[in-house]
Amino acid sequence: MQADAARQNFVLRGGLPATQGRHGRVSWKAGGSLTRPLLGARATYETLDRNGSSDAPYLTVTRMELGEMTLTTSRGPATVPAWLFTLDGYDTPLKRAAVSPSDTPTPPIEPFGEPAEVPDSVLEPIDRLVEVTADGRSVTVAALHSACDDGLRVDALETDGSVVLSAAVTGTQEGACKSVGLQDEVTVELVAPLRDRVLLDAFTGRPVQYDQARGLTDRSELN
């Protein structure tokens, strides 16, 4: 289903349910919770179906209902309200978080600088969080680099309250290939489990976030 869902081409069979209530509760496994506005069924479906006019193969949504899912966040695993999409031909529903991301908090560290002001060999901004393993011992992030280098290196500085990730490129060289952008996913092994420590990007000074444009599925910008 992942390959089919990646096309973001869906057909809705039937109507969409009404949202029950205006807010939902987010609860962290390590403790703590917050209340966030609930996203309606229509708005959530539209984040899912971004290619509905395409003639490409599609998935048929036969039902939507409000339930729960677990997300990877910068504070560890969290249980959040979710819209569950029943898909024709599949036993397992496709889940989308039904709450909006919280506002980005004030960075606890200063940003390194603007991308144009920083040499490529020094530091790169991290694009998004890809995965945190179930045991919290490693995190995978994605960042951009050019075809003129040998790839990305991501280092971690761990404290009791945070894990600061520093992404940099290796083996840089000059040439027209610098205009060719590539994105790599890099896995970083941690000394201690991430748990509820905040995951920070050394370049921006902000929590590493999941790309909101892709929709909130199994990871999130909730802070």
N, C-alpha and C. Protein backbone atom coordinates (compact mmCIF):
# COMPACT_ATOMS: atom_id res chain seq x y z
N MET A 1 0.83 -1.21 0.00
CA MET A 1 0.00 0.00 0.00
C MET A 1 0.86 1.25 0.00
N GLN A 2 2.09 1.19 0.55
CA GLN A 2 2.91 2.38 0.61
C GLN A 2 3.19 2.94 -0.78
N ALA A 3 3.49 2.05 -1.74
CA ALA A 3 3.78 2.52 -3.09
C ALA A 3 2.56 3.18 -3.71
N ASP A 4 1.37 2.58 -3.52
CA ASP A 4 0.15 3.16 -4.07
C ASP A 4 -0.17 4.49 -3.40
N ALA A 5 -0.05 4.54 -2.07
CA ALA A 5 -0.37 5.76 -1.33
C ALA A 5 0.58 6.89 -1.69
N ALA A 6 1.82 6.56 -2.05
CA ALA A 6 2.79 7.59 -2.38
C ALA A 6 2.38 8.40 -3.60
N ARG A 7 1.53 7.82 -4.46
CA ARG A 7 1.06 8.57 -5.63
C ARG A 7 0.09 9.68 -5.22
N GLN A 8 -0.48 9.58 -4.01
CA GLN A 8 -1.44 10.55 -3.50
C GLN A 8 -2.59 10.73 -4.48
N ASN A 9 -3.06 9.63 -5.04
CA ASN A 9 -4.19 9.64 -5.97
C ASN A 9 -5.29 8.76 -5.37
N PHE A 10 -6.36 9.39 -4.88
CA PHE A 10 -7.42 8.69 -4.18
C PHE A 10 -8.77 9.05 -4.78
N VAL A 11 -9.73 8.17 -4.59
CA VAL A 11 -11.12 8.42 -4.96
C VAL A 11 -11.97 8.17 -3.73
N LEU A 12 -12.86 9.11 -3.41
CA LEU A 12 -13.71 8.99 -2.24
C LEU A 12 -15.07 8.42 -2.64
N ARG A 13 -15.42 7.31 -2.00
CA ARG A 13 -16.72 6.69 -2.23
C ARG A 13 -17.61 6.98 -1.01
N GLY A 14 -18.62 7.80 -1.19
CA GLY A 14 -19.47 8.17 -0.06
C GLY A 14 -19.09 9.51 0.52
N GLY A 15 -19.78 9.90 1.61
CA GLY A 15 -19.55 11.20 2.22
C GLY A 15 -18.48 11.16 3.28
N LEU A 16 -18.20 12.34 3.83
CA LEU A 16 -17.21 12.49 4.89
C LEU A 16 -17.91 12.75 6.21
N PRO A 17 -17.43 12.18 7.31
CA PRO A 17 -18.09 12.37 8.60
C PRO A 17 -17.85 13.77 9.16
N ALA A 18 -18.73 14.17 10.05
CA ALA A 18 -18.56 15.45 10.73
C ALA A 18 -17.55 15.29 11.86
N THR A 19 -16.80 16.36 12.14
CA THR A 19 -15.84 16.34 13.23
C THR A 19 -16.57 16.43 14.56
N GLN A 20 -16.24 15.53 15.48
CA GLN A 20 -16.87 15.52 16.79
C GLN A 20 -15.99 16.28 17.77
N GLY A 21 -16.42 17.49 18.14
CA GLY A 21 -15.62 18.33 19.03
C GLY A 21 -14.65 19.19 18.25
N ARG A 22 -14.09 20.17 18.92
CA ARG A 22 -13.20 21.12 18.26
C ARG A 22 -11.74 20.90 18.62
N HIS A 23 -11.47 20.12 19.68
CA HIS A 23 -10.10 19.91 20.12
C HIS A 23 -9.86 18.44 20.43
N GLY A 24 -8.60 18.03 20.34
CA GLY A 24 -8.20 16.67 20.68
C GLY A 24 -6.98 16.71 21.58
N ARG A 25 -6.78 15.65 22.36
CA ARG A 25 -5.67 15.61 23.32
C ARG A 25 -4.52 14.78 22.78
N VAL A 26 -3.33 15.34 22.90
CA VAL A 26 -2.08 14.66 22.55
C VAL A 26 -1.40 14.24 23.85
N SER A 27 -1.07 12.97 23.98
CA SER A 27 -0.46 12.46 25.21
C SER A 27 0.88 11.79 24.89
N TRP A 28 1.92 12.18 25.63
CA TRP A 28 3.24 11.60 25.42
C TRP A 28 3.45 10.38 26.31
N LYS A 29 4.14 9.39 25.75
CA LYS A 29 4.41 8.17 26.49
C LYS A 29 5.24 8.44 27.74
N ALA A 30 6.14 9.42 27.65
CA ALA A 30 7.01 9.75 28.78
C ALA A 30 6.32 10.66 29.79
N GLY A 31 5.07 11.06 29.52
CA GLY A 31 4.35 11.94 30.42
C GLY A 31 4.08 13.30 29.80
N GLY A 32 2.99 13.91 30.21
CA GLY A 32 2.62 15.22 29.70
C GLY A 32 1.63 15.12 28.56
N SER A 33 0.87 16.16 28.36
CA SER A 33 -0.12 16.20 27.29
C SER A 33 -0.42 17.65 26.93
N LEU A 34 -1.10 17.82 25.80
CA LEU A 34 -1.58 19.14 25.42
C LEU A 34 -2.83 18.97 24.56
N THR A 35 -3.59 20.05 24.42
CA THR A 35 -4.81 20.05 23.62
C THR A 35 -4.56 20.85 22.35
N ARG A 36 -4.93 20.27 21.21
CA ARG A 36 -4.74 20.92 19.93
C ARG A 36 -6.04 20.92 19.14
N PRO A 37 -6.23 21.92 18.24
CA PRO A 37 -7.44 21.94 17.41
C PRO A 37 -7.52 20.69 16.53
N LEU A 38 -8.74 20.15 16.41
CA LEU A 38 -8.95 18.98 15.55
C LEU A 38 -9.07 19.42 14.09
N LEU A 39 -8.48 18.64 13.22
CA LEU A 39 -8.62 18.87 11.79
C LEU A 39 -9.86 18.13 11.29
N GLY A 40 -10.65 18.79 10.45
CA GLY A 40 -11.86 18.18 9.93
C GLY A 40 -11.54 17.08 8.92
N ALA A 41 -12.56 16.25 8.66
CA ALA A 41 -12.39 15.14 7.73
C ALA A 41 -12.04 15.65 6.33
N ARG A 42 -12.70 16.71 5.88
CA ARG A 42 -12.46 17.24 4.54
C ARG A 42 -11.03 17.75 4.41
N ALA A 43 -10.57 18.55 5.37
CA ALA A 43 -9.21 19.10 5.31
C ALA A 43 -8.17 17.99 5.35
N THR A 44 -8.41 16.96 6.15
CA THR A 44 -7.46 15.85 6.25
C THR A 44 -7.43 15.06 4.96
N TYR A 45 -8.59 14.82 4.38
CA TYR A 45 -8.65 14.07 3.12
C TYR A 45 -7.92 14.83 2.01
N GLU A 46 -8.02 16.14 2.00
CA GLU A 46 -7.37 16.93 0.95
C GLU A 46 -5.85 16.88 1.07
N THR A 47 -5.32 16.72 2.30
CA THR A 47 -3.87 16.56 2.45
C THR A 47 -3.43 15.19 1.94
N LEU A 48 -4.36 14.24 1.96
CA LEU A 48 -4.05 12.89 1.50
C LEU A 48 -4.12 12.80 -0.02
N ASP A 49 -5.20 13.36 -0.60
CA ASP A 49 -5.45 13.26 -2.04
C ASP A 49 -4.94 14.51 -2.74
N ARG A 50 -3.67 14.51 -3.14
CA ARG A 50 -3.07 15.67 -3.81
C ARG A 50 -2.97 15.48 -5.31
N ASN A 51 -3.45 14.33 -5.80
CA ASN A 51 -3.30 14.04 -7.23
C ASN A 51 -4.60 13.45 -7.77
N GLY A 52 -5.73 13.92 -7.26
CA GLY A 52 -7.01 13.31 -7.56
C GLY A 52 -7.45 13.38 -9.01
N SER A 53 -6.90 14.32 -9.76
CA SER A 53 -7.32 14.46 -11.16
C SER A 53 -6.46 13.62 -12.10
N SER A 54 -5.51 12.89 -11.55
CA SER A 54 -4.60 12.11 -12.39
C SER A 54 -5.29 10.85 -12.91
N ASP A 55 -4.82 10.39 -14.07
CA ASP A 55 -5.32 9.15 -14.64
C ASP A 55 -4.53 7.94 -14.12
N ALA A 56 -3.58 8.19 -13.23
CA ALA A 56 -2.75 7.11 -12.69
C ALA A 56 -3.59 6.20 -11.79
N PRO A 57 -3.10 5.01 -11.49
CA PRO A 57 -3.83 4.12 -10.57
C PRO A 57 -4.14 4.83 -9.25
N TYR A 58 -5.28 4.51 -8.66
CA TYR A 58 -5.72 5.20 -7.46
C TYR A 58 -6.19 4.19 -6.40
N LEU A 59 -6.33 4.70 -5.18
CA LEU A 59 -6.90 3.94 -4.08
C LEU A 59 -8.27 4.51 -3.76
N THR A 60 -9.22 3.65 -3.41
CA THR A 60 -10.59 4.08 -3.12
C THR A 60 -10.82 4.10 -1.61
N VAL A 61 -11.20 5.27 -1.10
CA VAL A 61 -11.54 5.43 0.31
C VAL A 61 -13.01 5.11 0.47
N THR A 62 -13.32 4.08 1.26
CA THR A 62 -14.71 3.68 1.44
C THR A 62 -15.30 4.17 2.76
N ARG A 63 -14.44 4.58 3.70
CA ARG A 63 -14.94 5.02 5.00
C ARG A 63 -13.87 5.83 5.72
N MET A 64 -14.31 6.79 6.53
CA MET A 64 -13.42 7.53 7.42
C MET A 64 -14.02 7.55 8.81
N GLU A 65 -13.19 7.31 9.82
CA GLU A 65 -13.66 7.41 11.20
C GLU A 65 -12.54 7.96 12.08
N LEU A 66 -12.94 8.57 13.20
CA LEU A 66 -11.96 9.17 14.10
C LEU A 66 -11.46 8.12 15.08
N GLY A 67 -10.15 7.99 15.21
CA GLY A 67 -9.54 7.03 16.13
C GLY A 67 -8.28 7.62 16.72
N GLU A 68 -7.24 6.80 16.90
CA GLU A 68 -5.97 7.23 17.47
C GLU A 68 -4.81 6.62 16.71
N MET A 69 -3.63 7.22 16.87
CA MET A 69 -2.41 6.67 16.31
C MET A 69 -1.24 7.14 17.16
N THR A 70 -0.09 6.49 17.00
CA THR A 70 1.13 6.89 17.70
C THR A 70 2.06 7.59 16.73
N LEU A 71 2.58 8.76 17.12
CA LEU A 71 3.49 9.53 16.30
C LEU A 71 4.85 9.64 16.96
N THR A 72 5.89 9.75 16.15
CA THR A 72 7.22 10.11 16.63
C THR A 72 7.31 11.63 16.63
N THR A 73 7.60 12.21 17.77
CA THR A 73 7.71 13.67 17.88
C THR A 73 9.07 14.02 18.47
N SER A 74 9.36 15.32 18.52
CA SER A 74 10.64 15.76 19.08
C SER A 74 10.70 15.54 20.59
N ARG A 75 9.58 15.15 21.21
CA ARG A 75 9.56 14.83 22.64
C ARG A 75 9.31 13.34 22.88
N GLY A 76 9.48 12.53 21.86
CA GLY A 76 9.26 11.10 22.02
C GLY A 76 7.89 10.68 21.49
N PRO A 77 7.54 9.37 21.62
CA PRO A 77 6.28 8.86 21.09
C PRO A 77 5.08 9.55 21.74
N ALA A 78 4.06 9.85 20.92
CA ALA A 78 2.84 10.49 21.42
C ALA A 78 1.63 9.82 20.80
N THR A 79 0.55 9.72 21.59
CA THR A 79 -0.73 9.22 21.09
C THR A 79 -1.60 10.41 20.73
N VAL A 80 -2.12 10.42 19.49
CA VAL A 80 -2.88 11.58 19.02
C VAL A 80 -4.17 11.11 18.35
N PRO A 81 -5.20 11.96 18.32
CA PRO A 81 -6.39 11.64 17.52
C PRO A 81 -6.00 11.50 16.05
N ALA A 82 -6.66 10.61 15.33
CA ALA A 82 -6.31 10.37 13.93
C ALA A 82 -7.55 10.02 13.13
N TRP A 83 -7.56 10.42 11.88
CA TRP A 83 -8.58 9.96 10.94
C TRP A 83 -8.09 8.65 10.33
N LEU A 84 -8.94 7.63 10.39
CA LEU A 84 -8.62 6.32 9.86
C LEU A 84 -9.35 6.14 8.53
N PHE A 85 -8.60 5.94 7.45
CA PHE A 85 -9.16 5.78 6.11
C PHE A 85 -9.24 4.29 5.78
N THR A 86 -10.44 3.78 5.59
CA THR A 86 -10.61 2.41 5.13
C THR A 86 -10.48 2.40 3.61
N LEU A 87 -9.57 1.57 3.10
CA LEU A 87 -9.28 1.54 1.66
C LEU A 87 -9.78 0.24 1.06
N ASP A 88 -10.40 0.35 -0.07
CA ASP A 88 -10.94 -0.81 -0.77
C ASP A 88 -9.80 -1.79 -1.10
N GLY A 89 -9.94 -3.04 -0.63
CA GLY A 89 -8.94 -4.06 -0.91
C GLY A 89 -7.87 -4.21 0.14
N TYR A 90 -7.93 -3.42 1.21
CA TYR A 90 -6.92 -3.48 2.27
C TYR A 90 -7.59 -3.69 3.63
N ASP A 91 -6.96 -4.52 4.47
CA ASP A 91 -7.50 -4.80 5.79
C ASP A 91 -7.11 -3.75 6.82
N THR A 92 -5.96 -3.10 6.62
CA THR A 92 -5.44 -2.13 7.58
C THR A 92 -5.73 -0.72 7.10
N PRO A 93 -6.33 0.14 7.95
CA PRO A 93 -6.63 1.51 7.51
C PRO A 93 -5.38 2.36 7.39
N LEU A 94 -5.45 3.37 6.54
CA LEU A 94 -4.41 4.38 6.42
C LEU A 94 -4.73 5.47 7.43
N LYS A 95 -3.74 5.86 8.24
CA LYS A 95 -3.98 6.80 9.34
C LYS A 95 -3.35 8.16 9.04
N ARG A 96 -4.10 9.20 9.40
CA ARG A 96 -3.59 10.57 9.32
C ARG A 96 -3.92 11.28 10.62
N ALA A 97 -2.94 11.98 11.18
CA ALA A 97 -3.17 12.71 12.43
C ALA A 97 -4.28 13.73 12.24
N ALA A 98 -5.15 13.86 13.23
CA ALA A 98 -6.31 14.74 13.15
C ALA A 98 -6.13 16.01 13.98
N VAL A 99 -4.89 16.33 14.32
CA VAL A 99 -4.61 17.56 15.06
C VAL A 99 -3.57 18.36 14.30
N SER A 100 -3.64 19.68 14.44
CA SER A 100 -2.68 20.54 13.77
C SER A 100 -1.41 20.63 14.60
N PRO A 101 -0.25 20.88 13.94
CA PRO A 101 1.01 20.99 14.68
C PRO A 101 0.99 22.18 15.62
N SER A 102 1.73 22.06 16.72
CA SER A 102 1.85 23.19 17.63
C SER A 102 2.80 24.23 17.06
N ASP A 103 2.73 25.44 17.58
CA ASP A 103 3.65 26.49 17.13
C ASP A 103 5.08 26.10 17.46
N THR A 104 6.00 26.46 16.58
CA THR A 104 7.40 26.16 16.82
C THR A 104 7.90 26.94 18.03
N PRO A 105 8.50 26.27 19.02
CA PRO A 105 8.95 26.97 20.22
C PRO A 105 10.18 27.83 19.94
N THR A 106 10.47 28.73 20.86
CA THR A 106 11.66 29.56 20.75
C THR A 106 12.90 28.67 20.83
N PRO A 107 13.83 28.77 19.86
CA PRO A 107 15.00 27.91 19.87
C PRO A 107 15.82 28.09 21.14
N PRO A 108 16.26 26.97 21.75
CA PRO A 108 17.11 27.08 22.95
C PRO A 108 18.56 27.38 22.60
N ILE A 109 18.93 27.30 21.32
CA ILE A 109 20.28 27.64 20.89
C ILE A 109 20.18 28.61 19.71
N GLU A 110 21.24 29.38 19.50
CA GLU A 110 21.23 30.35 18.41
C GLU A 110 21.42 29.65 17.07
N PRO A 111 20.76 30.14 16.00
CA PRO A 111 21.00 29.55 14.67
C PRO A 111 22.42 29.84 14.21
N PHE A 112 22.95 28.94 13.39
CA PHE A 112 24.32 29.08 12.90
C PHE A 112 24.43 30.21 11.89
N GLY A 113 23.38 30.39 11.08
CA GLY A 113 23.39 31.44 10.07
C GLY A 113 22.47 31.10 8.93
N GLU A 114 22.36 31.99 7.96
CA GLU A 114 21.56 31.75 6.78
C GLU A 114 22.32 30.81 5.83
N PRO A 115 21.58 29.93 5.08
CA PRO A 115 22.27 28.98 4.20
C PRO A 115 23.28 29.63 3.25
N ALA A 116 22.94 30.80 2.70
CA ALA A 116 23.84 31.44 1.74
C ALA A 116 25.11 31.96 2.39
N GLU A 117 25.10 32.11 3.72
CA GLU A 117 26.24 32.67 4.42
C GLU A 117 27.19 31.62 4.97
N VAL A 118 26.80 30.35 4.86
CA VAL A 118 27.58 29.28 5.48
C VAL A 118 28.25 28.44 4.41
N PRO A 119 29.57 28.25 4.49
CA PRO A 119 30.25 27.38 3.51
C PRO A 119 29.67 25.98 3.52
N ASP A 120 29.58 25.36 2.33
CA ASP A 120 28.98 24.03 2.22
C ASP A 120 29.66 23.00 3.09
N SER A 121 30.96 23.17 3.31
CA SER A 121 31.70 22.17 4.06
C SER A 121 31.54 22.32 5.57
N VAL A 122 30.82 23.37 6.02
CA VAL A 122 30.71 23.63 7.46
C VAL A 122 29.44 23.01 8.04
N LEU A 123 28.29 23.43 7.58
CA LEU A 123 27.05 22.97 8.18
C LEU A 123 25.91 23.09 7.18
N GLU A 124 24.97 22.15 7.25
CA GLU A 124 23.79 22.15 6.40
C GLU A 124 22.54 22.09 7.27
N PRO A 125 21.45 22.76 6.86
CA PRO A 125 20.20 22.61 7.61
C PRO A 125 19.60 21.22 7.39
N ILE A 126 19.01 20.66 8.42
CA ILE A 126 18.34 19.36 8.31
C ILE A 126 16.93 19.60 7.82
N ASP A 127 16.53 18.85 6.80
CA ASP A 127 15.23 19.06 6.18
C ASP A 127 14.09 18.52 7.03
N ARG A 128 14.22 17.27 7.50
CA ARG A 128 13.11 16.67 8.23
C ARG A 128 13.54 15.44 9.00
N LEU A 129 12.72 15.08 9.96
CA LEU A 129 12.87 13.84 10.71
C LEU A 129 12.19 12.73 9.92
N VAL A 130 12.91 11.62 9.72
CA VAL A 130 12.37 10.49 8.98
C VAL A 130 11.87 9.41 9.92
N GLU A 131 12.69 9.06 10.92
CA GLU A 131 12.31 7.94 11.79
C GLU A 131 13.09 7.97 13.09
N VAL A 132 12.45 7.54 14.16
CA VAL A 132 13.11 7.23 15.42
C VAL A 132 12.80 5.77 15.71
N THR A 133 13.82 4.96 15.97
CA THR A 133 13.57 3.54 16.22
C THR A 133 12.77 3.36 17.50
N ALA A 134 12.12 2.22 17.62
CA ALA A 134 11.25 1.95 18.77
C ALA A 134 11.99 2.05 20.09
N ASP A 135 13.27 1.67 20.11
CA ASP A 135 14.04 1.75 21.35
C ASP A 135 14.67 3.11 21.58
N GLY A 136 14.51 4.04 20.60
CA GLY A 136 15.03 5.39 20.75
C GLY A 136 16.53 5.49 20.63
N ARG A 137 17.20 4.42 20.20
CA ARG A 137 18.65 4.40 20.15
C ARG A 137 19.22 5.02 18.88
N SER A 138 18.40 5.23 17.86
CA SER A 138 18.89 5.86 16.64
C SER A 138 17.79 6.68 16.00
N VAL A 139 18.20 7.74 15.30
CA VAL A 139 17.27 8.60 14.59
C VAL A 139 17.76 8.74 13.15
N THR A 140 16.81 8.84 12.23
CA THR A 140 17.13 9.04 10.82
C THR A 140 16.57 10.38 10.38
N VAL A 141 17.41 11.20 9.76
CA VAL A 141 16.99 12.51 9.28
C VAL A 141 17.37 12.64 7.80
N ALA A 142 16.75 13.59 7.13
CA ALA A 142 17.04 13.87 5.73
C ALA A 142 17.56 15.29 5.59
N ALA A 143 18.54 15.47 4.72
CA ALA A 143 19.10 16.79 4.47
C ALA A 143 19.55 16.87 3.02
N LEU A 144 19.65 18.10 2.53
CA LEU A 144 20.04 18.33 1.14
C LEU A 144 21.54 18.52 1.01
N HIS A 145 22.08 18.11 -0.13
CA HIS A 145 23.46 18.41 -0.49
C HIS A 145 23.52 18.45 -2.01
N SER A 146 24.70 18.63 -2.58
CA SER A 146 24.81 18.74 -4.04
C SER A 146 25.51 17.52 -4.62
N ALA A 147 25.46 17.43 -5.94
CA ALA A 147 26.14 16.34 -6.63
C ALA A 147 27.65 16.54 -6.67
N CYS A 148 28.13 17.66 -6.13
CA CYS A 148 29.56 17.96 -6.12
C CYS A 148 30.25 17.53 -4.84
N ASP A 149 29.60 16.74 -4.01
CA ASP A 149 30.24 16.29 -2.78
C ASP A 149 30.05 14.79 -2.61
N ASP A 150 30.65 14.27 -1.55
CA ASP A 150 30.61 12.82 -1.31
C ASP A 150 29.48 12.39 -0.39
N GLY A 151 28.59 13.32 -0.04
CA GLY A 151 27.45 12.96 0.80
C GLY A 151 27.46 13.67 2.14
N LEU A 152 26.51 13.27 2.98
CA LEU A 152 26.29 13.94 4.26
C LEU A 152 26.90 13.17 5.43
N ARG A 153 27.29 13.93 6.43
CA ARG A 153 27.68 13.38 7.72
C ARG A 153 26.86 14.08 8.79
N VAL A 154 26.27 13.35 9.70
CA VAL A 154 25.47 13.95 10.76
C VAL A 154 26.03 13.50 12.10
N ASP A 155 26.41 14.46 12.93
CA ASP A 155 26.95 14.19 14.27
C ASP A 155 25.93 14.61 15.32
N ALA A 156 26.00 14.00 16.50
CA ALA A 156 25.06 14.28 17.57
C ALA A 156 25.80 14.73 18.83
N LEU A 157 25.30 15.79 19.44
CA LEU A 157 25.77 16.25 20.74
C LEU A 157 24.63 16.02 21.72
N GLU A 158 24.81 15.11 22.68
CA GLU A 158 23.73 14.72 23.58
C GLU A 158 23.88 15.38 24.95
N THR A 159 22.77 15.90 25.46
CA THR A 159 22.69 16.41 26.82
C THR A 159 21.50 15.74 27.50
N ASP A 160 21.27 16.06 28.76
CA ASP A 160 20.14 15.47 29.47
C ASP A 160 18.80 15.90 28.88
N GLY A 161 18.75 17.11 28.29
CA GLY A 161 17.47 17.61 27.80
C GLY A 161 17.32 17.67 26.30
N SER A 162 18.40 17.45 25.56
CA SER A 162 18.31 17.59 24.10
C SER A 162 19.35 16.74 23.39
N VAL A 163 19.12 16.56 22.09
CA VAL A 163 20.10 15.95 21.19
C VAL A 163 20.24 16.91 20.02
N VAL A 164 21.42 17.51 19.88
CA VAL A 164 21.66 18.48 18.81
C VAL A 164 22.36 17.76 17.65
N LEU A 165 21.73 17.80 16.47
CA LEU A 165 22.28 17.16 15.29
C LEU A 165 22.94 18.19 14.37
N SER A 166 24.17 17.90 13.95
CA SER A 166 24.91 18.78 13.05
C SER A 166 25.15 18.04 11.74
N ALA A 167 24.58 18.54 10.65
CA ALA A 167 24.73 17.93 9.33
C ALA A 167 25.75 18.71 8.51
N ALA A 168 26.67 18.02 7.89
CA ALA A 168 27.68 18.64 7.04
C ALA A 168 27.98 17.73 5.86
N VAL A 169 28.47 18.31 4.77
CA VAL A 169 28.83 17.51 3.60
C VAL A 169 30.32 17.19 3.66
N THR A 170 30.73 16.14 2.94
CA THR A 170 32.13 15.75 2.88
C THR A 170 32.59 15.73 1.42
N GLY A 171 33.88 15.93 1.23
CA GLY A 171 34.45 15.83 -0.11
C GLY A 171 33.89 16.81 -1.11
N THR A 172 33.78 18.08 -0.74
CA THR A 172 33.20 19.08 -1.65
C THR A 172 34.18 19.44 -2.76
N GLN A 173 33.61 19.78 -3.91
CA GLN A 173 34.40 20.23 -5.05
C GLN A 173 33.60 21.25 -5.84
N GLU A 174 34.27 22.03 -6.66
CA GLU A 174 33.62 23.05 -7.45
C GLU A 174 33.13 22.47 -8.78
N GLY A 175 32.15 23.14 -9.39
CA GLY A 175 31.67 22.69 -10.68
C GLY A 175 30.19 22.94 -10.85
N ALA A 176 29.70 22.73 -12.08
CA ALA A 176 28.29 22.93 -12.38
C ALA A 176 27.40 21.98 -11.60
N CYS A 177 27.99 20.87 -11.13
CA CYS A 177 27.19 19.90 -10.38
C CYS A 177 26.68 20.45 -9.06
N LYS A 178 27.21 21.60 -8.62
CA LYS A 178 26.74 22.18 -7.36
C LYS A 178 25.29 22.62 -7.45
N SER A 179 24.81 22.83 -8.67
CA SER A 179 23.42 23.25 -8.84
C SER A 179 22.46 22.06 -8.83
N VAL A 180 23.00 20.86 -8.80
CA VAL A 180 22.17 19.65 -8.76
C VAL A 180 21.96 19.24 -7.31
N GLY A 181 20.75 19.41 -6.83
CA GLY A 181 20.46 19.11 -5.43
C GLY A 181 20.07 17.66 -5.22
N LEU A 182 20.60 17.07 -4.17
CA LEU A 182 20.28 15.70 -3.79
C LEU A 182 19.82 15.68 -2.35
N GLN A 183 19.01 14.70 -2.00
CA GLN A 183 18.59 14.55 -0.61
C GLN A 183 18.96 13.16 -0.12
N ASP A 184 19.64 13.11 1.00
CA ASP A 184 20.05 11.83 1.59
C ASP A 184 19.41 11.66 2.96
N GLU A 185 19.18 10.41 3.32
CA GLU A 185 18.72 10.07 4.67
C GLU A 185 19.90 9.47 5.43
N VAL A 186 20.16 10.00 6.62
CA VAL A 186 21.30 9.56 7.42
C VAL A 186 20.79 9.11 8.78
N THR A 187 21.26 7.94 9.21
CA THR A 187 20.88 7.41 10.52
C THR A 187 22.00 7.67 11.52
N VAL A 188 21.63 8.19 12.67
CA VAL A 188 22.58 8.55 13.72
C VAL A 188 22.32 7.67 14.94
N GLU A 189 23.35 6.98 15.40
CA GLU A 189 23.25 6.16 16.60
C GLU A 189 23.49 7.04 17.83
N LEU A 190 22.63 6.91 18.83
CA LEU A 190 22.73 7.71 20.04
C LEU A 190 23.37 6.92 21.18
N VAL A 191 24.01 7.62 22.09
CA VAL A 191 24.60 6.98 23.26
C VAL A 191 23.51 6.49 24.20
N ALA A 192 22.46 7.31 24.36
CA ALA A 192 21.32 6.97 25.22
C ALA A 192 20.04 7.10 24.41
N PRO A 193 18.96 6.39 24.79
CA PRO A 193 17.69 6.52 24.06
C PRO A 193 17.19 7.96 24.05
N LEU A 194 16.55 8.35 22.95
CA LEU A 194 16.07 9.71 22.80
C LEU A 194 15.03 10.06 23.86
N ARG A 195 14.09 9.14 24.09
CA ARG A 195 12.98 9.34 25.05
C ARG A 195 12.33 10.71 24.83
N ASP A 196 12.26 11.55 25.87
CA ASP A 196 11.56 12.82 25.72
C ASP A 196 12.52 13.99 25.51
N ARG A 197 13.77 13.71 25.18
CA ARG A 197 14.70 14.79 24.88
C ARG A 197 14.33 15.45 23.54
N VAL A 198 14.54 16.77 23.46
CA VAL A 198 14.21 17.50 22.25
C VAL A 198 15.31 17.29 21.22
N LEU A 199 14.91 16.99 19.97
CA LEU A 199 15.84 16.78 18.87
C LEU A 199 16.01 18.11 18.13
N LEU A 200 17.23 18.66 18.14
CA LEU A 200 17.48 20.00 17.60
C LEU A 200 18.41 19.96 16.39
N ASP A 201 18.22 20.92 15.49
CA ASP A 201 19.09 21.11 14.34
C ASP A 201 20.09 22.20 14.69
N ALA A 202 21.38 21.88 14.65
CA ALA A 202 22.41 22.85 15.02
C ALA A 202 22.39 24.07 14.11
N PHE A 203 21.98 23.90 12.85
CA PHE A 203 21.99 25.02 11.91
C PHE A 203 20.92 26.05 12.26
N THR A 204 19.71 25.60 12.50
CA THR A 204 18.60 26.53 12.76
C THR A 204 18.37 26.80 14.23
N GLY A 205 18.84 25.89 15.09
CA GLY A 205 18.57 26.02 16.51
C GLY A 205 17.17 25.58 16.89
N ARG A 206 16.43 25.01 15.95
CA ARG A 206 15.04 24.62 16.18
C ARG A 206 14.88 23.10 16.21
N PRO A 207 13.76 22.63 16.77
CA PRO A 207 13.50 21.18 16.74
C PRO A 207 13.45 20.67 15.31
N VAL A 208 14.00 19.48 15.10
CA VAL A 208 13.93 18.83 13.79
C VAL A 208 12.49 18.38 13.59
N GLN A 209 11.89 18.76 12.47
CA GLN A 209 10.47 18.53 12.26
C GLN A 209 10.22 17.65 11.05
N TYR A 210 9.07 16.97 11.11
CA TYR A 210 8.62 16.22 9.95
C TYR A 210 7.98 17.19 8.97
N ASP A 211 8.17 16.95 7.67
CA ASP A 211 7.67 17.84 6.63
C ASP A 211 6.15 17.90 6.62
N GLN A 212 5.58 19.04 7.01
CA GLN A 212 4.12 19.17 7.12
C GLN A 212 3.42 18.98 5.79
N ALA A 213 4.09 19.34 4.68
CA ALA A 213 3.44 19.22 3.37
C ALA A 213 3.15 17.77 3.00
N ARG A 214 3.86 16.83 3.63
CA ARG A 214 3.64 15.42 3.35
C ARG A 214 2.52 14.85 4.20
N GLY A 215 2.02 15.64 5.13
CA GLY A 215 0.96 15.14 6.00
C GLY A 215 1.54 14.44 7.21
N LEU A 216 0.80 14.41 8.29
CA LEU A 216 1.27 13.78 9.52
C LEU A 216 0.80 12.34 9.54
N THR A 217 1.74 11.43 9.36
CA THR A 217 1.38 10.02 9.36
C THR A 217 1.95 9.36 10.59
N ASP A 218 3.20 8.89 10.53
CA ASP A 218 3.76 8.21 11.68
C ASP A 218 4.85 9.02 12.36
N ARG A 219 4.95 10.31 12.04
CA ARG A 219 5.92 11.18 12.70
C ARG A 219 5.37 12.60 12.63
N SER A 220 5.91 13.52 13.46
CA SER A 220 5.18 14.77 13.58
C SER A 220 6.03 15.96 13.98
N GLU A 221 5.44 17.17 13.78
CA GLU A 221 6.06 18.41 14.26
C GLU A 221 5.54 18.80 15.63
N LEU A 222 4.73 17.97 16.26
CA LEU A 222 4.21 18.33 17.57
C LEU A 222 5.36 18.49 18.55
N ASN A 223 5.41 19.64 19.26
CA ASN A 223 6.53 19.92 20.14
C ASN A 223 6.07 20.04 21.58
